Amino acid sequence: VCNAMKHAFPDDRPGTIRVSLVRDVDAYRLEVRDNGIGVQPGAGAGSGTKLIERLAASLGGAAELRANDGPGSTLVVGFRRL
């Protein structure tokens, strides 16, 4: 959520961030979706994204940042049930 607030809405641009957590039989999927400026081409992973990836890995999962079909991006973190 902090990454979306920091990067998706520059110059006080208005927008929406939606957070969802879905439980499956043996895993969870956390999604943070925004309607901001989206993933910028050529932008490398910053310290916040690296931290999220490490946290997901420590939970036996993985993180993926995706461009939305419309405006914005979605961070998906999948991890196994604890």
C-alpha atoms as a PDB file:
ATOM      1  CA  VAL A   1       0.000   0.000   0.000  1.00  0.00           C
ATOM      2  CA  CYS A   2       2.835   2.393   0.867  1.00  0.00           C
ATOM      3  CA  ASN A   3       4.503   1.736  -2.494  1.00  0.00           C
ATOM      4  CA  ALA A   4       1.238   2.434  -4.322  1.00  0.00           C
ATOM      5  CA  MET A   5       0.736   5.655  -2.362  1.00  0.00           C
ATOM      6  CA  LYS A   6       4.299   6.752  -3.063  1.00  0.00           C
ATOM      7  CA  HIS A   7       4.614   5.838  -6.753  1.00  0.00           C
ATOM      8  CA  ALA A   8       1.159   5.516  -8.344  1.00  0.00           C
ATOM      9  CA  PHE A   9      -0.120   9.027  -7.693  1.00  0.00           C
ATOM     10  CA  PRO A  10       2.588  11.658  -8.271  1.00  0.00           C
ATOM     11  CA  ASP A  11       1.861  15.360  -7.901  1.00  0.00           C
ATOM     12  CA  ASP A  12      -1.120  14.741  -5.585  1.00  0.00           C
ATOM     13  CA  ARG A  13      -3.029  12.962  -8.353  1.00  0.00           C
ATOM     14  CA  PRO A  14      -6.280  11.447  -6.988  1.00  0.00           C
ATOM     15  CA  GLY A  15      -6.831   7.728  -7.183  1.00  0.00           C
ATOM     16  CA  THR A  16      -7.950   4.509  -5.580  1.00  0.00           C
ATOM     17  CA  ILE A  17      -6.046   1.644  -3.960  1.00  0.00           C
ATOM     18  CA  ARG A  18      -7.876  -1.643  -3.386  1.00  0.00           C
ATOM     19  CA  VAL A  19      -6.518  -4.382  -1.141  1.00  0.00           C
ATOM     20  CA  SER A  20      -7.846  -7.937  -1.147  1.00  0.00           C
ATOM     21  CA  LEU A  21      -6.812 -11.180   0.497  1.00  0.00           C
ATOM     22  CA  VAL A  22      -8.171 -14.436  -0.906  1.00  0.00           C
ATOM     23  CA  ARG A  23      -7.759 -17.761   0.889  1.00  0.00           C
ATOM     24  CA  ASP A  24      -7.609 -20.907  -1.206  1.00  0.00           C
ATOM     25  CA  VAL A  25      -7.374 -24.487   0.045  1.00  0.00           C
ATOM     26  CA  ASP A  26      -3.631 -24.330   0.724  1.00  0.00           C
ATOM     27  CA  ALA A  27      -2.560 -20.786  -0.145  1.00  0.00           C
ATOM     28  CA  TYR A  28      -3.331 -17.077   0.112  1.00  0.00           C
ATOM     29  CA  ARG A  29      -3.268 -14.378  -2.543  1.00  0.00           C
ATOM     30  CA  LEU A  30      -2.826 -10.760  -1.473  1.00  0.00           C
ATOM     31  CA  GLU A  31      -3.525  -8.123  -4.128  1.00  0.00           C
ATOM     32  CA  VAL A  32      -2.848  -4.392  -3.950  1.00  0.00           C
ATOM     33  CA  ARG A  33      -4.412  -2.734  -7.011  1.00  0.00           C
ATOM     34  CA  ASP A  34      -4.312   0.940  -7.937  1.00  0.00           C
ATOM     35  CA  ASN A  35      -5.545   3.110 -10.802  1.00  0.00           C
ATOM     36  CA  GLY A  36      -2.452   5.303 -10.844  1.00  0.00           C
ATOM     37  CA  ILE A  37       0.190   5.904 -13.502  1.00  0.00           C
ATOM     38  CA  GLY A  38       1.062   2.213 -13.827  1.00  0.00           C
ATOM     39  CA  VAL A  39       4.354   0.404 -14.145  1.00  0.00           C
ATOM     40  CA  GLN A  40       6.877   2.654 -15.831  1.00  0.00           C
ATOM     41  CA  PRO A  41       8.911   1.056 -18.665  1.00  0.00           C
ATOM     42  CA  GLY A  42      12.526   0.467 -17.708  1.00  0.00           C
ATOM     43  CA  ALA A  43      11.919   1.101 -14.018  1.00  0.00           C
ATOM     44  CA  GLY A  44      13.884  -1.357 -11.927  1.00  0.00           C
ATOM     45  CA  ALA A  45      12.742  -2.827  -8.652  1.00  0.00           C
ATOM     46  CA  GLY A  46      13.193  -0.352  -5.818  1.00  0.00           C
ATOM     47  CA  SER A  47      13.886  -1.112  -2.185  1.00  0.00           C
ATOM     48  CA  GLY A  48      10.165  -1.415  -1.347  1.00  0.00           C
ATOM     49  CA  THR A  49       9.576  -3.971  -4.104  1.00  0.00           C
ATOM     50  CA  LYS A  50      12.673  -5.939  -3.084  1.00  0.00           C
ATOM     51  CA  LEU A  51      11.457  -5.982   0.514  1.00  0.00           C
ATOM     52  CA  ILE A  52       8.045  -7.304  -0.597  1.00  0.00           C
ATOM     53  CA  GLU A  53       9.720 -10.014  -2.703  1.00  0.00           C
ATOM     54  CA  ARG A  54      11.863 -11.115   0.267  1.00  0.00           C
ATOM     55  CA  LEU A  55       8.870 -11.184   2.594  1.00  0.00           C
ATOM     56  CA  ALA A  56       6.891 -13.284   0.110  1.00  0.00           C
ATOM     57  CA  ALA A  57       9.832 -15.680  -0.262  1.00  0.00           C
ATOM     58  CA  SER A  58      10.105 -16.030   3.527  1.00  0.00           C
ATOM     59  CA  LEU A  59       6.441 -17.141   3.508  1.00  0.00           C
ATOM     60  CA  GLY A  60       7.140 -19.703   0.777  1.00  0.00           C
ATOM     61  CA  GLY A  61       5.630 -17.574  -1.952  1.00  0.00           C
ATOM     62  CA  ALA A  62       6.379 -14.998  -4.617  1.00  0.00           C
ATOM     63  CA  ALA A  63       5.439 -11.447  -5.575  1.00  0.00           C
ATOM     64  CA  GLU A  64       4.627 -10.133  -9.035  1.00  0.00           C
ATOM     65  CA  LEU A  65       3.955  -6.582 -10.182  1.00  0.00           C
ATOM     66  CA  ARG A  66       1.572  -6.456 -13.157  1.00  0.00           C
ATOM     67  CA  ALA A  67       0.284  -3.685 -15.390  1.00  0.00           C
ATOM     68  CA  ASN A  68      -3.521  -3.454 -15.351  1.00  0.00           C
ATOM     69  CA  ASP A  69      -5.593  -3.621 -18.533  1.00  0.00           C
ATOM     70  CA  GLY A  70      -6.716  -0.072 -17.723  1.00  0.00           C
ATOM     71  CA  PRO A  71      -4.827   2.501 -15.711  1.00  0.00           C
ATOM     72  CA  GLY A  72      -2.607   1.448 -12.834  1.00  0.00           C
ATOM     73  CA  SER A  73      -0.909  -1.682 -11.648  1.00  0.00           C
ATOM     74  CA  THR A  74      -1.467  -4.635  -9.338  1.00  0.00           C
ATOM     75  CA  LEU A  75       0.962  -6.247  -6.944  1.00  0.00           C
ATOM     76  CA  VAL A  76       0.100  -9.910  -6.376  1.00  0.00           C
ATOM     77  CA  VAL A  77       1.692 -11.777  -3.486  1.00  0.00           C
ATOM     78  CA  GLY A  78       0.956 -15.482  -3.302  1.00  0.00           C
ATOM     79  CA  PHE A  79       2.042 -17.571  -0.314  1.00  0.00           C
ATOM     80  CA  ARG A  80       1.198 -20.880   1.304  1.00  0.00           C
ATOM     81  CA  ARG A  81      -1.062 -21.209   4.303  1.00  0.00           C
ATOM     82  CA  LEU A  82       0.821 -21.101   7.570  1.00  0.00           C
END
